[in-house]
Amino acid sequence: MNNNLKIALTCSLLLIMFSCQKSKHADDLVIDDEVFESEEFVDHHNAMNSLDYMGIYKGTLPCADCEGIETIIELGSGNSYVKKVIYLGKDDQKVTESSGTFTWNDEGNTITLNEDDEPNKYFVGENVLFHLDMDGNRIEGDLAENYKLKKE
């Protein structure tokens, strides 16, 4: 009976040892980088399809002949917008309002307010709109931080 117990324990010990060994098949996995570089796997995420861009954005943009341009842009459904501006430090501080539709650029990261005069382009970031220059480029330099509207 002791022999049967010894054989059973030996078999159990061998079974445990072999079941805990690393699988040889895991080392055989080969990843072909060309598959991930193909058109099929290009990342198509952009602001238009990945961000919650609808909402109200506020900020004070720099102004050449006033204290600043308080700007509020509301982006709504159906690519609609309402824009309100107040020229601060002017005698007549009335609210100027415009509305209409906006369109996205081909890359899906910049909107154009169709019914507004230029510059009317904004780069859409996460919870922020960056006011762009006349050529549609991000404004750089010391005042660059002042050309953004933050989402409320």
Protein backbone atom coordinates (compact mmCIF):
# COMPACT_ATOMS: atom_id res chain seq x y z
CA MET A 1 0.00 0.00 0.00
CA ASN A 2 2.90 2.33 0.66
CA ASN A 3 4.12 1.71 -2.87
CA ASN A 4 0.76 2.73 -4.34
CA LEU A 5 0.80 5.92 -2.28
CA LYS A 6 4.35 6.70 -3.40
CA ILE A 7 3.44 6.14 -7.05
CA ALA A 8 0.31 8.32 -6.76
CA LEU A 9 2.28 11.13 -5.09
CA THR A 10 5.05 10.89 -7.69
CA CYS A 11 2.53 11.01 -10.55
CA SER A 12 0.76 13.98 -8.95
CA LEU A 13 4.05 15.81 -8.45
CA LEU A 14 5.07 15.21 -12.09
CA LEU A 15 1.67 16.36 -13.33
CA ILE A 16 1.92 19.57 -11.32
CA MET A 17 5.47 20.25 -12.55
CA PHE A 18 4.60 19.78 -16.24
CA SER A 19 1.39 21.82 -16.05
CA CYS A 20 3.26 24.83 -14.60
CA GLN A 21 5.89 24.94 -17.35
CA LYS A 22 5.90 27.85 -19.80
CA SER A 23 4.18 27.08 -23.05
CA LYS A 24 6.48 26.92 -26.06
CA HIS A 25 3.69 28.27 -28.27
CA ALA A 26 3.73 31.69 -26.59
CA ASP A 27 7.23 32.33 -27.92
CA ASP A 28 6.13 31.53 -31.47
CA LEU A 29 3.81 34.58 -31.75
CA VAL A 30 4.96 36.81 -34.60
CA ILE A 31 3.49 40.25 -35.20
CA ASP A 32 3.69 41.67 -38.70
CA ASP A 33 4.13 45.46 -38.42
CA GLU A 34 3.09 45.92 -42.04
CA VAL A 35 -0.46 44.92 -41.10
CA PHE A 36 -0.72 47.80 -38.63
CA GLU A 37 0.78 50.30 -41.05
CA SER A 38 -1.76 49.57 -43.77
CA GLU A 39 -4.67 51.88 -44.63
CA GLU A 40 -7.00 49.47 -42.84
CA PHE A 41 -5.56 50.27 -39.42
CA VAL A 42 -5.05 54.04 -39.72
CA ASP A 43 -6.33 55.83 -36.63
CA HIS A 44 -9.25 57.98 -37.77
CA HIS A 45 -9.89 59.66 -34.43
CA ASN A 46 -10.20 63.44 -34.55
CA ALA A 47 -11.97 66.23 -32.69
CA MET A 48 -15.12 65.87 -34.77
CA ASN A 49 -15.70 62.20 -33.94
CA SER A 50 -13.88 61.78 -30.62
CA LEU A 51 -14.54 64.88 -28.50
CA ASP A 52 -17.64 66.18 -26.81
CA TYR A 53 -17.26 69.55 -28.54
CA MET A 54 -20.85 70.81 -28.26
CA GLY A 55 -21.31 73.41 -25.53
CA ILE A 56 -20.47 76.97 -24.52
CA TYR A 57 -16.94 78.38 -24.80
CA LYS A 58 -15.85 81.67 -23.21
CA GLY A 59 -12.77 83.81 -23.16
CA THR A 60 -11.34 87.27 -23.75
CA LEU A 61 -9.36 87.56 -26.96
CA PRO A 62 -6.69 90.26 -27.44
CA CYS A 63 -7.76 93.50 -29.12
CA ALA A 64 -5.57 96.10 -30.87
CA ASP A 65 -7.68 99.12 -29.90
CA CYS A 66 -9.57 98.00 -26.79
CA GLU A 67 -9.05 96.11 -23.52
CA GLY A 68 -10.11 92.79 -25.04
CA ILE A 69 -12.88 91.06 -26.92
CA GLU A 70 -15.08 89.06 -24.59
CA THR A 71 -16.20 86.14 -26.74
CA ILE A 72 -18.82 83.47 -26.15
CA ILE A 73 -19.42 80.73 -28.71
CA GLU A 74 -22.08 78.09 -28.30
CA LEU A 75 -21.74 75.06 -30.55
CA GLY A 76 -24.98 73.16 -30.92
CA SER A 77 -26.54 70.28 -32.76
CA GLY A 78 -26.77 70.29 -36.52
CA ASN A 79 -23.44 72.17 -36.66
CA SER A 80 -25.13 75.33 -35.43
CA TYR A 81 -23.44 78.12 -33.52
CA VAL A 82 -24.26 81.36 -31.73
CA LYS A 83 -21.42 83.82 -31.17
CA LYS A 84 -21.59 86.85 -28.88
CA VAL A 85 -18.82 89.45 -28.59
CA ILE A 86 -18.33 92.56 -26.46
CA TYR A 87 -15.47 94.98 -27.11
CA LEU A 88 -14.27 95.82 -23.60
CA GLY A 89 -13.14 99.35 -22.76
CA LYS A 90 -15.15 100.97 -25.57
CA ASP A 91 -17.78 103.62 -24.93
CA ASP A 92 -20.38 101.49 -26.66
CA GLN A 93 -20.14 98.03 -25.06
CA LYS A 94 -23.09 96.46 -26.79
CA VAL A 95 -23.28 92.74 -27.41
CA THR A 96 -22.85 91.82 -31.05
CA GLU A 97 -24.43 88.49 -31.89
CA SER A 98 -24.09 86.27 -34.92
CA SER A 99 -25.36 82.79 -35.62
CA GLY A 100 -25.39 80.20 -38.33
CA THR A 101 -23.66 76.95 -39.12
CA PHE A 102 -20.08 75.77 -38.91
CA THR A 103 -18.21 73.31 -41.06
CA TRP A 104 -15.29 71.00 -40.27
CA ASN A 105 -12.05 70.88 -42.23
CA ASP A 106 -11.00 67.61 -43.92
CA GLU A 107 -8.88 66.58 -40.92
CA GLY A 108 -11.83 67.01 -38.54
CA ASN A 109 -9.96 69.26 -36.11
CA THR A 110 -10.91 72.82 -37.15
CA ILE A 111 -14.28 74.51 -37.54
CA THR A 112 -15.19 77.53 -39.66
CA LEU A 113 -18.07 79.75 -38.58
CA ASN A 114 -19.67 80.16 -42.00
CA GLU A 115 -21.62 83.36 -41.39
CA ASP A 116 -18.80 85.23 -39.59
CA ASP A 117 -16.16 87.49 -41.10
CA GLU A 118 -12.56 86.28 -41.09
CA PRO A 119 -10.80 85.27 -38.95
CA ASN A 120 -13.56 82.76 -38.31
CA LYS A 121 -11.67 79.51 -37.77
CA TYR A 122 -11.17 77.66 -34.48
CA PHE A 123 -9.04 74.62 -33.74
CA VAL A 124 -11.09 72.27 -31.55
CA GLY A 125 -9.29 70.75 -28.57
CA GLU A 126 -10.52 68.98 -25.48
CA ASN A 127 -12.74 71.55 -23.72
CA VAL A 128 -11.12 74.43 -25.63
CA LEU A 129 -11.39 76.35 -28.91
CA PHE A 130 -8.21 77.98 -30.20
CA HIS A 131 -8.89 81.11 -32.25
CA LEU A 132 -6.82 80.88 -35.45
CA ASP A 133 -5.21 83.61 -37.55
CA MET A 134 -6.36 84.73 -41.02
CA ASP A 135 -4.51 81.82 -42.65
CA GLY A 136 -6.04 79.25 -40.30
CA ASN A 137 -2.87 78.75 -38.23
CA ARG A 138 -2.50 78.59 -34.46
CA ILE A 139 -1.30 81.89 -33.05
CA GLU A 140 2.16 81.66 -31.55
CA GLY A 141 4.27 83.90 -29.36
CA ASP A 142 3.79 85.64 -26.02
CA LEU A 143 0.04 86.13 -26.46
CA ALA A 144 -0.73 82.61 -27.75
CA GLU A 145 -2.40 81.58 -24.47
CA ASN A 146 -4.84 84.50 -24.82
CA TYR A 147 -6.34 83.13 -28.03
CA LYS A 148 -8.33 80.31 -26.50
CA LEU A 149 -11.91 79.95 -25.35
CA LYS A 150 -12.53 77.49 -22.54
CA LYS A 151 -15.59 75.27 -22.37
CA GLU A 152 -17.90 75.84 -19.45
